[in-house]
N, C-alpha and C. Protein backbone atom coordinates (compact mmCIF):
# COMPACT_ATOMS: atom_id res chain seq x y z
N UNK A 1 -71.61 -37.13 -5.71
CA UNK A 1 -71.86 -38.36 -6.48
C UNK A 1 -70.52 -38.93 -6.94
N UNK A 2 -70.29 -40.22 -6.69
CA UNK A 2 -69.03 -40.83 -7.08
C UNK A 2 -69.03 -41.11 -8.57
N UNK A 3 -67.85 -40.96 -9.20
CA UNK A 3 -67.71 -41.24 -10.63
C UNK A 3 -67.25 -42.67 -10.81
N UNK A 4 -67.27 -43.13 -12.08
CA UNK A 4 -66.82 -44.48 -12.39
C UNK A 4 -65.35 -44.64 -12.00
N UNK A 5 -64.55 -43.59 -12.25
CA UNK A 5 -63.13 -43.65 -11.90
C UNK A 5 -62.95 -43.78 -10.40
N UNK A 6 -63.77 -43.04 -9.62
CA UNK A 6 -63.69 -43.14 -8.16
C UNK A 6 -63.98 -44.57 -7.71
N UNK A 7 -65.02 -45.16 -8.30
CA UNK A 7 -65.40 -46.52 -7.92
C UNK A 7 -64.30 -47.51 -8.27
N UNK A 8 -63.68 -47.33 -9.45
CA UNK A 8 -62.62 -48.24 -9.86
C UNK A 8 -61.40 -48.09 -8.95
N UNK A 9 -61.12 -46.85 -8.55
CA UNK A 9 -59.98 -46.62 -7.66
C UNK A 9 -60.19 -47.32 -6.32
N UNK A 10 -61.40 -47.20 -5.77
CA UNK A 10 -61.68 -47.86 -4.50
C UNK A 10 -61.58 -49.38 -4.64
N UNK A 11 -62.12 -49.88 -5.78
CA UNK A 11 -62.08 -51.32 -6.01
C UNK A 11 -60.65 -51.82 -6.08
N UNK A 12 -59.81 -51.12 -6.84
CA UNK A 12 -58.43 -51.55 -7.01
C UNK A 12 -57.65 -51.41 -5.70
N UNK A 13 -57.95 -50.38 -4.93
CA UNK A 13 -57.25 -50.17 -3.67
C UNK A 13 -57.54 -51.30 -2.68
N UNK A 14 -58.75 -51.80 -2.70
CA UNK A 14 -59.13 -52.83 -1.73
C UNK A 14 -59.01 -54.25 -2.27
N UNK A 15 -58.58 -54.40 -3.52
CA UNK A 15 -58.53 -55.73 -4.12
C UNK A 15 -57.67 -56.70 -3.33
N UNK A 16 -56.49 -56.27 -2.92
CA UNK A 16 -55.59 -57.17 -2.19
C UNK A 16 -56.23 -57.65 -0.89
N UNK A 17 -56.96 -56.78 -0.24
CA UNK A 17 -57.59 -57.19 1.02
C UNK A 17 -58.77 -58.14 0.76
N UNK A 18 -59.45 -57.94 -0.36
CA UNK A 18 -60.53 -58.86 -0.70
C UNK A 18 -60.00 -60.25 -1.02
N UNK A 19 -58.75 -60.33 -1.48
CA UNK A 19 -58.14 -61.62 -1.79
C UNK A 19 -57.86 -62.45 -0.54
N UNK A 20 -57.94 -61.82 0.62
CA UNK A 20 -57.76 -62.59 1.85
C UNK A 20 -58.86 -63.62 2.03
N UNK A 21 -59.98 -63.39 1.39
CA UNK A 21 -61.05 -64.39 1.36
C UNK A 21 -60.79 -65.29 0.16
N UNK A 22 -60.22 -66.47 0.41
CA UNK A 22 -59.84 -67.36 -0.67
C UNK A 22 -61.04 -67.88 -1.46
N UNK A 23 -62.22 -67.72 -0.91
CA UNK A 23 -63.43 -68.16 -1.61
C UNK A 23 -64.06 -67.06 -2.47
N UNK A 24 -63.44 -65.89 -2.46
CA UNK A 24 -63.95 -64.78 -3.26
C UNK A 24 -63.47 -64.95 -4.70
N UNK A 25 -64.17 -65.77 -5.45
CA UNK A 25 -63.74 -66.11 -6.81
C UNK A 25 -63.71 -64.90 -7.73
N UNK A 26 -64.64 -63.98 -7.56
CA UNK A 26 -64.69 -62.80 -8.42
C UNK A 26 -63.42 -61.95 -8.26
N UNK A 27 -62.98 -61.76 -7.02
CA UNK A 27 -61.78 -60.97 -6.78
C UNK A 27 -60.53 -61.67 -7.29
N UNK A 28 -60.47 -62.99 -7.09
CA UNK A 28 -59.32 -63.74 -7.58
C UNK A 28 -59.29 -63.73 -9.10
N UNK A 29 -60.43 -63.79 -9.76
CA UNK A 29 -60.47 -63.72 -11.22
C UNK A 29 -60.01 -62.35 -11.69
N UNK A 30 -60.42 -61.31 -10.96
CA UNK A 30 -59.99 -59.95 -11.31
C UNK A 30 -58.48 -59.81 -11.17
N UNK A 31 -57.93 -60.35 -10.10
CA UNK A 31 -56.48 -60.28 -9.89
C UNK A 31 -55.76 -61.03 -11.01
N UNK A 32 -56.23 -62.23 -11.34
CA UNK A 32 -55.61 -63.02 -12.40
C UNK A 32 -55.68 -62.29 -13.74
N UNK A 33 -56.86 -61.78 -14.08
CA UNK A 33 -57.03 -61.08 -15.35
C UNK A 33 -56.14 -59.85 -15.44
N UNK A 34 -55.88 -59.22 -14.30
CA UNK A 34 -55.09 -57.99 -14.28
C UNK A 34 -53.60 -58.26 -14.42
N UNK A 35 -53.09 -59.35 -13.82
CA UNK A 35 -51.64 -59.50 -13.71
C UNK A 35 -51.03 -60.71 -14.41
N UNK A 36 -51.88 -61.62 -14.96
CA UNK A 36 -51.29 -62.83 -15.54
C UNK A 36 -50.38 -62.51 -16.72
N UNK A 37 -50.79 -61.56 -17.57
CA UNK A 37 -50.01 -61.25 -18.77
C UNK A 37 -48.65 -60.65 -18.40
N UNK A 38 -48.61 -59.83 -17.35
CA UNK A 38 -47.35 -59.25 -16.88
C UNK A 38 -46.37 -60.36 -16.49
N UNK A 39 -46.82 -61.28 -15.67
CA UNK A 39 -45.96 -62.38 -15.20
C UNK A 39 -45.55 -63.27 -16.36
N UNK A 40 -46.51 -63.59 -17.22
CA UNK A 40 -46.27 -64.45 -18.38
C UNK A 40 -45.22 -63.83 -19.30
N UNK A 41 -45.35 -62.55 -19.60
CA UNK A 41 -44.43 -61.87 -20.51
C UNK A 41 -43.00 -61.87 -19.97
N UNK A 42 -42.86 -61.62 -18.66
CA UNK A 42 -41.54 -61.61 -18.06
C UNK A 42 -40.92 -63.00 -18.13
N UNK A 43 -41.69 -64.03 -17.83
CA UNK A 43 -41.18 -65.41 -17.88
C UNK A 43 -40.74 -65.78 -19.29
N UNK A 44 -41.53 -65.40 -20.29
CA UNK A 44 -41.16 -65.69 -21.68
C UNK A 44 -39.88 -64.96 -22.07
N UNK A 45 -39.78 -63.70 -21.71
CA UNK A 45 -38.57 -62.93 -22.04
C UNK A 45 -37.35 -63.49 -21.32
N UNK A 46 -37.56 -64.09 -20.18
CA UNK A 46 -36.44 -64.66 -19.42
C UNK A 46 -35.93 -65.95 -20.08
N UNK A 47 -36.69 -66.51 -21.01
CA UNK A 47 -36.22 -67.66 -21.75
C UNK A 47 -37.07 -68.91 -21.63
N UNK A 48 -38.18 -68.83 -20.92
CA UNK A 48 -39.03 -70.00 -20.75
C UNK A 48 -39.94 -70.18 -21.97
N UNK A 49 -40.34 -71.42 -22.22
CA UNK A 49 -41.31 -71.70 -23.27
C UNK A 49 -42.67 -71.16 -22.84
N UNK A 50 -43.60 -71.09 -23.77
CA UNK A 50 -44.93 -70.61 -23.43
C UNK A 50 -45.57 -71.49 -22.36
N UNK A 51 -45.41 -72.81 -22.50
CA UNK A 51 -46.00 -73.73 -21.52
C UNK A 51 -45.38 -73.52 -20.14
N UNK A 52 -44.04 -73.38 -20.10
CA UNK A 52 -43.36 -73.17 -18.82
C UNK A 52 -43.75 -71.83 -18.21
N UNK A 53 -43.92 -70.81 -19.05
CA UNK A 53 -44.33 -69.49 -18.56
C UNK A 53 -45.74 -69.55 -17.97
N UNK A 54 -46.62 -70.33 -18.60
CA UNK A 54 -47.97 -70.50 -18.05
C UNK A 54 -47.92 -71.18 -16.69
N UNK A 55 -47.01 -72.15 -16.53
CA UNK A 55 -46.85 -72.81 -15.24
C UNK A 55 -46.37 -71.82 -14.18
N UNK A 56 -45.46 -70.93 -14.56
CA UNK A 56 -44.95 -69.93 -13.63
C UNK A 56 -46.07 -68.98 -13.21
N UNK A 57 -46.94 -68.62 -14.14
CA UNK A 57 -48.09 -67.78 -13.80
C UNK A 57 -48.95 -68.48 -12.75
N UNK A 58 -49.26 -69.74 -12.98
CA UNK A 58 -50.10 -70.48 -12.05
C UNK A 58 -49.43 -70.62 -10.68
N UNK A 59 -48.14 -70.91 -10.68
CA UNK A 59 -47.41 -71.07 -9.42
C UNK A 59 -47.32 -69.75 -8.66
N UNK A 60 -47.20 -68.65 -9.40
CA UNK A 60 -47.17 -67.34 -8.75
C UNK A 60 -48.51 -67.04 -8.10
N UNK A 61 -49.59 -67.35 -8.79
CA UNK A 61 -50.91 -67.13 -8.23
C UNK A 61 -51.14 -67.98 -6.98
N UNK A 62 -50.66 -69.22 -7.01
CA UNK A 62 -50.77 -70.08 -5.83
C UNK A 62 -49.98 -69.49 -4.67
N UNK A 63 -48.77 -68.99 -4.97
CA UNK A 63 -47.93 -68.39 -3.92
C UNK A 63 -48.60 -67.16 -3.33
N UNK A 64 -49.22 -66.34 -4.18
CA UNK A 64 -49.94 -65.16 -3.69
C UNK A 64 -51.07 -65.60 -2.76
N UNK A 65 -51.80 -66.65 -3.15
CA UNK A 65 -52.91 -67.11 -2.33
C UNK A 65 -52.45 -67.58 -0.96
N UNK A 66 -51.25 -68.15 -0.89
CA UNK A 66 -50.72 -68.61 0.39
C UNK A 66 -50.38 -67.46 1.32
N UNK A 67 -50.06 -66.30 0.73
CA UNK A 67 -49.73 -65.13 1.54
C UNK A 67 -50.98 -64.40 2.04
N UNK A 68 -52.09 -64.59 1.35
CA UNK A 68 -53.25 -63.74 1.56
C UNK A 68 -53.92 -63.83 2.94
N UNK A 69 -54.11 -65.02 3.53
CA UNK A 69 -54.85 -65.06 4.81
C UNK A 69 -54.27 -64.16 5.90
N UNK A 70 -52.95 -64.01 5.93
CA UNK A 70 -52.32 -63.16 6.95
C UNK A 70 -51.78 -61.87 6.34
N UNK A 71 -52.25 -61.54 5.14
CA UNK A 71 -51.68 -60.42 4.41
C UNK A 71 -51.97 -59.08 5.09
N UNK A 72 -50.93 -58.27 5.25
CA UNK A 72 -51.06 -56.91 5.75
C UNK A 72 -50.17 -56.03 4.88
N UNK A 73 -50.77 -55.26 3.99
CA UNK A 73 -49.97 -54.46 3.07
C UNK A 73 -49.55 -53.15 3.71
N UNK A 74 -48.25 -52.90 3.74
CA UNK A 74 -47.71 -51.68 4.32
C UNK A 74 -46.85 -50.99 3.26
N UNK A 75 -47.39 -49.95 2.59
CA UNK A 75 -46.64 -49.24 1.54
C UNK A 75 -45.29 -48.72 2.03
N UNK A 76 -45.17 -48.44 3.33
CA UNK A 76 -43.90 -47.92 3.85
C UNK A 76 -42.79 -48.95 3.74
N UNK A 77 -43.16 -50.24 3.67
CA UNK A 77 -42.16 -51.30 3.58
C UNK A 77 -41.85 -51.71 2.14
N UNK A 78 -42.56 -51.11 1.19
CA UNK A 78 -42.30 -51.45 -0.21
C UNK A 78 -43.57 -51.39 -1.03
N UNK A 79 -43.40 -51.24 -2.33
CA UNK A 79 -44.55 -51.12 -3.21
C UNK A 79 -45.14 -52.48 -3.57
N UNK A 80 -46.37 -52.46 -4.05
CA UNK A 80 -47.00 -53.69 -4.52
C UNK A 80 -46.21 -54.27 -5.69
N UNK A 81 -45.71 -53.40 -6.56
CA UNK A 81 -44.93 -53.85 -7.71
C UNK A 81 -43.72 -54.67 -7.28
N UNK A 82 -43.02 -54.21 -6.25
CA UNK A 82 -41.84 -54.93 -5.76
C UNK A 82 -42.24 -56.23 -5.08
N UNK A 83 -43.34 -56.20 -4.35
CA UNK A 83 -43.83 -57.41 -3.67
C UNK A 83 -44.17 -58.50 -4.67
N UNK A 84 -44.88 -58.13 -5.74
CA UNK A 84 -45.25 -59.11 -6.75
C UNK A 84 -44.02 -59.59 -7.52
N UNK A 85 -43.06 -58.71 -7.74
CA UNK A 85 -41.81 -59.11 -8.40
C UNK A 85 -41.09 -60.17 -7.59
N UNK A 86 -41.01 -59.98 -6.26
CA UNK A 86 -40.30 -60.94 -5.43
C UNK A 86 -40.94 -62.32 -5.48
N UNK A 87 -42.27 -62.36 -5.50
CA UNK A 87 -42.95 -63.66 -5.60
C UNK A 87 -42.71 -64.28 -6.97
N UNK A 88 -42.80 -63.47 -8.02
CA UNK A 88 -42.56 -63.98 -9.38
C UNK A 88 -41.12 -64.44 -9.53
N UNK A 89 -40.18 -63.67 -8.99
CA UNK A 89 -38.77 -64.03 -9.06
C UNK A 89 -38.53 -65.41 -8.43
N UNK A 90 -39.13 -65.64 -7.28
CA UNK A 90 -38.96 -66.93 -6.60
C UNK A 90 -39.47 -68.08 -7.44
N UNK A 91 -40.62 -67.86 -8.12
CA UNK A 91 -41.18 -68.92 -8.95
C UNK A 91 -40.31 -69.17 -10.18
N UNK A 92 -39.74 -68.12 -10.74
CA UNK A 92 -38.83 -68.27 -11.88
C UNK A 92 -37.59 -69.04 -11.47
N UNK A 93 -37.03 -68.68 -10.32
CA UNK A 93 -35.83 -69.38 -9.85
C UNK A 93 -36.12 -70.83 -9.51
N UNK A 94 -37.30 -71.08 -8.94
CA UNK A 94 -37.69 -72.46 -8.65
C UNK A 94 -37.73 -73.27 -9.94
N UNK A 95 -38.28 -72.67 -10.99
CA UNK A 95 -38.37 -73.37 -12.28
C UNK A 95 -36.98 -73.65 -12.84
N UNK A 96 -36.07 -72.70 -12.68
CA UNK A 96 -34.70 -72.90 -13.15
C UNK A 96 -34.01 -74.00 -12.37
N UNK A 97 -34.22 -74.02 -11.07
CA UNK A 97 -33.57 -75.03 -10.23
C UNK A 97 -34.04 -76.44 -10.58
N UNK A 98 -35.28 -76.54 -11.03
CA UNK A 98 -35.80 -77.86 -11.38
C UNK A 98 -35.17 -78.42 -12.65
N UNK A 99 -34.68 -77.53 -13.52
CA UNK A 99 -34.19 -77.99 -14.82
C UNK A 99 -32.74 -77.66 -15.11
N UNK A 100 -32.15 -76.71 -14.36
CA UNK A 100 -30.81 -76.25 -14.74
C UNK A 100 -29.92 -76.04 -13.53
N UNK A 101 -28.64 -76.09 -13.79
CA UNK A 101 -27.63 -75.68 -12.83
C UNK A 101 -27.06 -74.34 -13.28
N UNK A 102 -26.48 -73.64 -12.32
CA UNK A 102 -25.81 -72.40 -12.68
C UNK A 102 -24.31 -72.57 -12.48
N UNK A 103 -23.52 -72.24 -13.50
CA UNK A 103 -22.07 -72.32 -13.41
C UNK A 103 -21.45 -71.16 -14.16
N UNK A 104 -20.65 -70.41 -13.44
CA UNK A 104 -19.98 -69.25 -14.04
C UNK A 104 -20.98 -68.32 -14.72
N UNK A 105 -22.06 -68.03 -13.98
CA UNK A 105 -23.09 -67.08 -14.42
C UNK A 105 -23.87 -67.56 -15.65
N UNK A 106 -23.80 -68.84 -15.97
CA UNK A 106 -24.57 -69.39 -17.06
C UNK A 106 -25.39 -70.58 -16.58
N UNK A 107 -26.60 -70.71 -17.10
CA UNK A 107 -27.45 -71.83 -16.72
C UNK A 107 -27.25 -72.98 -17.71
N UNK A 108 -27.08 -74.20 -17.17
CA UNK A 108 -26.85 -75.38 -18.01
C UNK A 108 -27.86 -76.45 -17.63
N UNK A 109 -28.20 -77.30 -18.59
CA UNK A 109 -29.14 -78.37 -18.34
C UNK A 109 -28.61 -79.31 -17.26
N UNK A 110 -29.52 -79.84 -16.43
CA UNK A 110 -29.11 -80.69 -15.32
C UNK A 110 -28.44 -81.97 -15.78
N UNK A 111 -28.70 -82.40 -17.01
CA UNK A 111 -28.07 -83.63 -17.49
C UNK A 111 -26.56 -83.49 -17.64
N UNK A 112 -26.07 -82.24 -17.74
CA UNK A 112 -24.64 -82.01 -17.90
C UNK A 112 -23.97 -82.09 -16.53
N UNK A 113 -22.96 -82.92 -16.39
CA UNK A 113 -22.24 -83.05 -15.11
C UNK A 113 -21.43 -81.80 -14.85
N UNK A 114 -21.57 -81.27 -13.66
CA UNK A 114 -20.86 -80.04 -13.30
C UNK A 114 -20.11 -80.23 -12.00
N UNK A 115 -19.01 -79.53 -11.86
CA UNK A 115 -18.22 -79.57 -10.63
C UNK A 115 -18.67 -78.43 -9.74
N UNK A 116 -19.86 -78.56 -9.19
CA UNK A 116 -20.41 -77.53 -8.33
C UNK A 116 -21.37 -78.17 -7.35
N UNK A 117 -21.56 -77.54 -6.21
CA UNK A 117 -22.52 -78.04 -5.24
C UNK A 117 -23.90 -77.54 -5.59
N UNK A 118 -24.92 -78.13 -4.99
CA UNK A 118 -26.29 -77.69 -5.24
C UNK A 118 -26.47 -76.25 -4.82
N UNK A 119 -25.94 -75.87 -3.66
CA UNK A 119 -26.10 -74.50 -3.19
C UNK A 119 -25.44 -73.51 -4.14
N UNK A 120 -24.27 -73.88 -4.68
CA UNK A 120 -23.59 -72.97 -5.59
C UNK A 120 -24.36 -72.82 -6.90
N UNK A 121 -25.18 -73.81 -7.22
CA UNK A 121 -25.91 -73.76 -8.47
C UNK A 121 -27.12 -72.84 -8.40
N UNK A 122 -27.51 -72.42 -7.19
CA UNK A 122 -28.68 -71.55 -7.05
C UNK A 122 -28.39 -70.16 -7.62
N UNK A 123 -29.38 -69.52 -8.26
CA UNK A 123 -29.17 -68.17 -8.75
C UNK A 123 -28.95 -67.19 -7.60
N UNK A 124 -28.26 -66.11 -7.91
CA UNK A 124 -28.06 -65.06 -6.90
C UNK A 124 -29.41 -64.43 -6.59
N UNK A 125 -29.58 -63.91 -5.36
CA UNK A 125 -30.87 -63.33 -4.99
C UNK A 125 -31.22 -62.09 -5.79
N UNK A 126 -30.26 -61.43 -6.39
CA UNK A 126 -30.53 -60.27 -7.22
C UNK A 126 -30.20 -60.59 -8.66
N UNK A 127 -31.01 -60.14 -9.58
CA UNK A 127 -30.83 -60.41 -10.99
C UNK A 127 -31.20 -59.15 -11.74
N UNK A 128 -30.19 -58.40 -12.19
CA UNK A 128 -30.43 -57.12 -12.83
C UNK A 128 -31.23 -57.29 -14.12
N UNK A 129 -31.00 -58.38 -14.85
CA UNK A 129 -31.71 -58.61 -16.10
C UNK A 129 -33.20 -58.80 -15.85
N UNK A 130 -33.52 -59.58 -14.84
CA UNK A 130 -34.92 -59.81 -14.50
C UNK A 130 -35.57 -58.52 -14.02
N UNK A 131 -34.85 -57.75 -13.21
CA UNK A 131 -35.38 -56.47 -12.73
C UNK A 131 -35.71 -55.54 -13.89
N UNK A 132 -34.81 -55.49 -14.88
CA UNK A 132 -35.03 -54.61 -16.04
C UNK A 132 -36.24 -55.07 -16.85
N UNK A 133 -36.36 -56.39 -17.04
CA UNK A 133 -37.52 -56.92 -17.76
C UNK A 133 -38.81 -56.58 -17.04
N UNK A 134 -38.78 -56.73 -15.71
CA UNK A 134 -39.98 -56.44 -14.93
C UNK A 134 -40.38 -54.97 -15.07
N UNK A 135 -39.41 -54.07 -15.02
CA UNK A 135 -39.71 -52.65 -15.16
C UNK A 135 -40.33 -52.36 -16.51
N UNK A 136 -39.78 -52.95 -17.57
CA UNK A 136 -40.31 -52.71 -18.91
C UNK A 136 -41.72 -53.26 -19.06
N UNK A 137 -41.92 -54.49 -18.59
CA UNK A 137 -43.24 -55.10 -18.71
C UNK A 137 -44.26 -54.41 -17.79
N UNK A 138 -43.81 -53.93 -16.63
CA UNK A 138 -44.71 -53.20 -15.73
C UNK A 138 -45.19 -51.92 -16.40
N UNK A 139 -44.28 -51.25 -17.10
CA UNK A 139 -44.66 -50.02 -17.82
C UNK A 139 -45.71 -50.34 -18.88
N UNK A 140 -45.50 -51.43 -19.63
CA UNK A 140 -46.49 -51.85 -20.63
C UNK A 140 -47.82 -52.17 -19.96
N UNK A 141 -47.72 -52.83 -18.81
CA UNK A 141 -48.93 -53.19 -18.06
C UNK A 141 -49.71 -51.94 -17.66
N UNK A 142 -49.03 -50.93 -17.16
CA UNK A 142 -49.70 -49.70 -16.76
C UNK A 142 -50.34 -49.02 -17.95
N UNK A 143 -49.65 -48.99 -19.09
CA UNK A 143 -50.19 -48.36 -20.29
C UNK A 143 -51.47 -49.07 -20.73
N UNK A 144 -51.44 -50.41 -20.72
CA UNK A 144 -52.63 -51.17 -21.11
C UNK A 144 -53.80 -50.88 -20.19
N UNK A 145 -53.52 -50.85 -18.87
CA UNK A 145 -54.61 -50.57 -17.93
C UNK A 145 -55.14 -49.15 -18.10
N UNK A 146 -54.22 -48.20 -18.33
CA UNK A 146 -54.63 -46.81 -18.52
C UNK A 146 -55.48 -46.66 -19.78
N UNK A 147 -55.09 -47.34 -20.85
CA UNK A 147 -55.85 -47.26 -22.09
C UNK A 147 -57.24 -47.87 -21.92
N UNK A 148 -57.33 -48.92 -21.13
CA UNK A 148 -58.64 -49.52 -20.87
C UNK A 148 -59.56 -48.51 -20.19
N UNK A 149 -59.01 -47.74 -19.27
CA UNK A 149 -59.81 -46.73 -18.57
C UNK A 149 -60.25 -45.62 -19.51
N UNK A 150 -59.31 -45.15 -20.34
CA UNK A 150 -59.62 -44.05 -21.26
C UNK A 150 -60.67 -44.48 -22.28
N UNK A 151 -60.56 -45.72 -22.74
CA UNK A 151 -61.48 -46.23 -23.76
C UNK A 151 -62.93 -46.21 -23.29
N UNK A 152 -63.13 -46.32 -21.98
CA UNK A 152 -64.48 -46.38 -21.43
C UNK A 152 -65.29 -45.12 -21.74
N UNK A 153 -64.61 -43.98 -21.82
CA UNK A 153 -65.34 -42.72 -21.97
C UNK A 153 -64.94 -41.93 -23.21
N UNK A 154 -63.87 -42.32 -23.90
CA UNK A 154 -63.40 -41.57 -25.06
C UNK A 154 -64.27 -41.85 -26.28
N UNK A 155 -64.28 -40.90 -27.20
CA UNK A 155 -64.92 -41.11 -28.49
C UNK A 155 -64.18 -42.25 -29.21
N UNK A 156 -64.94 -43.19 -29.77
CA UNK A 156 -64.34 -44.40 -30.34
C UNK A 156 -63.35 -44.09 -31.46
N UNK A 157 -63.71 -43.18 -32.36
CA UNK A 157 -62.82 -42.85 -33.48
C UNK A 157 -61.58 -42.12 -32.99
N UNK A 158 -61.76 -41.20 -32.04
CA UNK A 158 -60.61 -40.49 -31.49
C UNK A 158 -59.66 -41.46 -30.79
N UNK A 159 -60.22 -42.40 -30.06
CA UNK A 159 -59.38 -43.37 -29.35
C UNK A 159 -58.61 -44.23 -30.33
N UNK A 160 -59.24 -44.64 -31.43
CA UNK A 160 -58.56 -45.45 -32.44
C UNK A 160 -57.42 -44.66 -33.08
N UNK A 161 -57.67 -43.42 -33.42
CA UNK A 161 -56.63 -42.58 -34.01
C UNK A 161 -55.47 -42.38 -33.03
N UNK A 162 -55.81 -42.15 -31.78
CA UNK A 162 -54.80 -41.94 -30.75
C UNK A 162 -53.91 -43.18 -30.59
N UNK A 163 -54.53 -44.36 -30.51
CA UNK A 163 -53.75 -45.59 -30.32
C UNK A 163 -52.84 -45.87 -31.50
N UNK A 164 -53.36 -45.66 -32.72
CA UNK A 164 -52.54 -45.91 -33.90
C UNK A 164 -51.37 -44.94 -33.99
N UNK A 165 -51.64 -43.67 -33.77
CA UNK A 165 -50.60 -42.65 -33.95
C UNK A 165 -49.64 -42.57 -32.76
N UNK A 166 -50.18 -42.54 -31.54
CA UNK A 166 -49.34 -42.30 -30.35
C UNK A 166 -48.78 -43.60 -29.78
N UNK A 167 -49.60 -44.63 -29.67
CA UNK A 167 -49.16 -45.87 -29.04
C UNK A 167 -48.40 -46.75 -30.02
N UNK A 168 -48.91 -46.86 -31.25
CA UNK A 168 -48.27 -47.75 -32.23
C UNK A 168 -47.35 -47.01 -33.20
N UNK A 169 -47.24 -45.70 -33.03
CA UNK A 169 -46.30 -44.89 -33.82
C UNK A 169 -46.55 -44.94 -35.33
N UNK A 170 -47.81 -45.04 -35.72
CA UNK A 170 -48.16 -44.96 -37.14
C UNK A 170 -48.19 -43.48 -37.53
N UNK A 171 -47.62 -43.15 -38.67
CA UNK A 171 -47.58 -41.75 -39.11
C UNK A 171 -48.99 -41.18 -39.18
N UNK A 172 -49.11 -39.92 -38.78
CA UNK A 172 -50.43 -39.28 -38.72
C UNK A 172 -51.13 -39.31 -40.07
N UNK A 173 -50.40 -39.06 -41.16
CA UNK A 173 -51.02 -39.08 -42.49
C UNK A 173 -51.55 -40.46 -42.83
N UNK A 174 -50.81 -41.50 -42.44
CA UNK A 174 -51.26 -42.87 -42.73
C UNK A 174 -52.51 -43.21 -41.92
N UNK A 175 -52.57 -42.71 -40.67
CA UNK A 175 -53.75 -42.94 -39.85
C UNK A 175 -54.96 -42.26 -40.47
N UNK A 176 -54.79 -41.02 -40.87
CA UNK A 176 -55.89 -40.27 -41.47
C UNK A 176 -56.37 -40.94 -42.74
N UNK A 177 -55.42 -41.38 -43.58
CA UNK A 177 -55.78 -42.03 -44.83
C UNK A 177 -56.50 -43.35 -44.58
N UNK A 178 -56.00 -44.12 -43.63
CA UNK A 178 -56.59 -45.43 -43.36
C UNK A 178 -57.97 -45.37 -42.74
N UNK A 179 -58.22 -44.33 -41.95
CA UNK A 179 -59.51 -44.22 -41.26
C UNK A 179 -60.47 -43.25 -41.95
N UNK A 180 -60.00 -42.68 -43.07
CA UNK A 180 -60.86 -41.73 -43.76
C UNK A 180 -61.11 -40.48 -42.94
N UNK A 181 -60.11 -40.03 -42.21
CA UNK A 181 -60.24 -38.84 -41.35
C UNK A 181 -59.35 -37.73 -41.86
N UNK A 182 -59.57 -36.52 -41.35
CA UNK A 182 -58.70 -35.40 -41.67
C UNK A 182 -57.44 -35.47 -40.81
N UNK A 183 -56.34 -34.96 -41.35
CA UNK A 183 -55.09 -34.96 -40.61
C UNK A 183 -55.25 -34.17 -39.31
N UNK A 184 -56.00 -33.10 -39.36
CA UNK A 184 -56.21 -32.27 -38.17
C UNK A 184 -56.94 -33.05 -37.07
N UNK A 185 -57.81 -34.01 -37.47
CA UNK A 185 -58.53 -34.81 -36.49
C UNK A 185 -57.58 -35.75 -35.75
N UNK A 186 -56.60 -36.28 -36.46
CA UNK A 186 -55.62 -37.16 -35.83
C UNK A 186 -54.82 -36.39 -34.78
N UNK A 187 -54.36 -35.19 -35.17
CA UNK A 187 -53.59 -34.38 -34.22
C UNK A 187 -54.47 -33.94 -33.04
N UNK A 188 -55.74 -33.65 -33.30
CA UNK A 188 -56.64 -33.23 -32.22
C UNK A 188 -56.83 -34.38 -31.22
N UNK A 189 -56.96 -35.61 -31.72
CA UNK A 189 -57.10 -36.76 -30.84
C UNK A 189 -55.84 -36.95 -30.00
N UNK A 190 -54.69 -36.73 -30.62
CA UNK A 190 -53.43 -36.86 -29.90
C UNK A 190 -53.36 -35.87 -28.75
N UNK A 191 -53.63 -34.61 -29.03
CA UNK A 191 -53.49 -33.58 -28.00
C UNK A 191 -54.60 -33.64 -26.95
N UNK A 192 -55.73 -34.23 -27.32
CA UNK A 192 -56.82 -34.36 -26.37
C UNK A 192 -56.60 -35.52 -25.41
N UNK A 193 -56.11 -36.66 -25.91
CA UNK A 193 -56.03 -37.86 -25.09
C UNK A 193 -54.66 -38.08 -24.43
N UNK A 194 -53.62 -37.45 -24.94
CA UNK A 194 -52.29 -37.62 -24.32
C UNK A 194 -52.29 -37.17 -22.86
N UNK A 195 -52.85 -35.99 -22.52
CA UNK A 195 -52.87 -35.61 -21.10
C UNK A 195 -53.68 -36.58 -20.25
N UNK A 196 -54.76 -37.14 -20.81
CA UNK A 196 -55.55 -38.12 -20.06
C UNK A 196 -54.73 -39.38 -19.79
N UNK A 197 -53.96 -39.80 -20.79
CA UNK A 197 -53.11 -40.98 -20.59
C UNK A 197 -52.08 -40.72 -19.50
N UNK A 198 -51.46 -39.56 -19.52
CA UNK A 198 -50.45 -39.23 -18.51
C UNK A 198 -51.05 -39.18 -17.12
N UNK A 199 -52.24 -38.59 -16.99
CA UNK A 199 -52.91 -38.54 -15.68
C UNK A 199 -53.25 -39.94 -15.18
N UNK A 200 -53.75 -40.77 -16.09
CA UNK A 200 -54.13 -42.12 -15.69
C UNK A 200 -52.90 -42.96 -15.31
N UNK A 201 -51.81 -42.79 -16.04
CA UNK A 201 -50.57 -43.51 -15.69
C UNK A 201 -50.06 -43.09 -14.32
N UNK A 202 -50.13 -41.80 -14.04
CA UNK A 202 -49.69 -41.32 -12.72
C UNK A 202 -50.59 -41.87 -11.61
N UNK A 203 -51.90 -41.92 -11.88
CA UNK A 203 -52.82 -42.44 -10.88
C UNK A 203 -52.54 -43.91 -10.59
N UNK A 204 -52.36 -44.69 -11.66
CA UNK A 204 -52.09 -46.12 -11.48
C UNK A 204 -50.76 -46.36 -10.79
N UNK A 205 -49.74 -45.58 -11.16
CA UNK A 205 -48.42 -45.74 -10.55
C UNK A 205 -48.48 -45.45 -9.07
N UNK A 206 -49.18 -44.40 -8.68
CA UNK A 206 -49.31 -44.05 -7.26
C UNK A 206 -50.13 -45.08 -6.50
N UNK A 207 -51.14 -45.60 -7.17
CA UNK A 207 -52.02 -46.55 -6.51
C UNK A 207 -51.34 -47.89 -6.28
N UNK A 208 -50.50 -48.34 -7.25
CA UNK A 208 -49.91 -49.67 -7.19
C UNK A 208 -48.48 -49.65 -6.69
């Protein structure tokens, strides 16, 4: 008998292939719900306004849709994480090119006259700052997805104690006092759910 986790694993594994059907609205909504916040957060951290970051999310989704009809995912050629980063990176650079020039490793508003050619104003194909942001936000993304999975089956009070103490770093005594629980219960939730979080993070990392 398949478990809920088995079903979710199969669903997530085949999601990219289901996106090849551009009329599959349910799959596209699932993809958007899963990854929009990751892309949005990276764009905001890179310096875009909330409105501009929302535009980058939409443009990234459009770019993904353009790749889908002929999409063939080959893990040997690179991970899904890297593939999505490259598409997001292109959309971020496109947004920068529309509004800014690059001179001496700094971006300036297009209204400022610069002694540079258009080609020289383009960002370099590699951007260590963007890569670092993506790694950090991807880690947050995995943790959020893993917590969603754990929440489905965990005891509600234990999950709340675990999130406050382990994820949000609230002192165990403060968690116990705030929730009317024993200190031993907070520690028990930590030791019970931490291995589950680690297993789920490893599963998601391998899958994606």
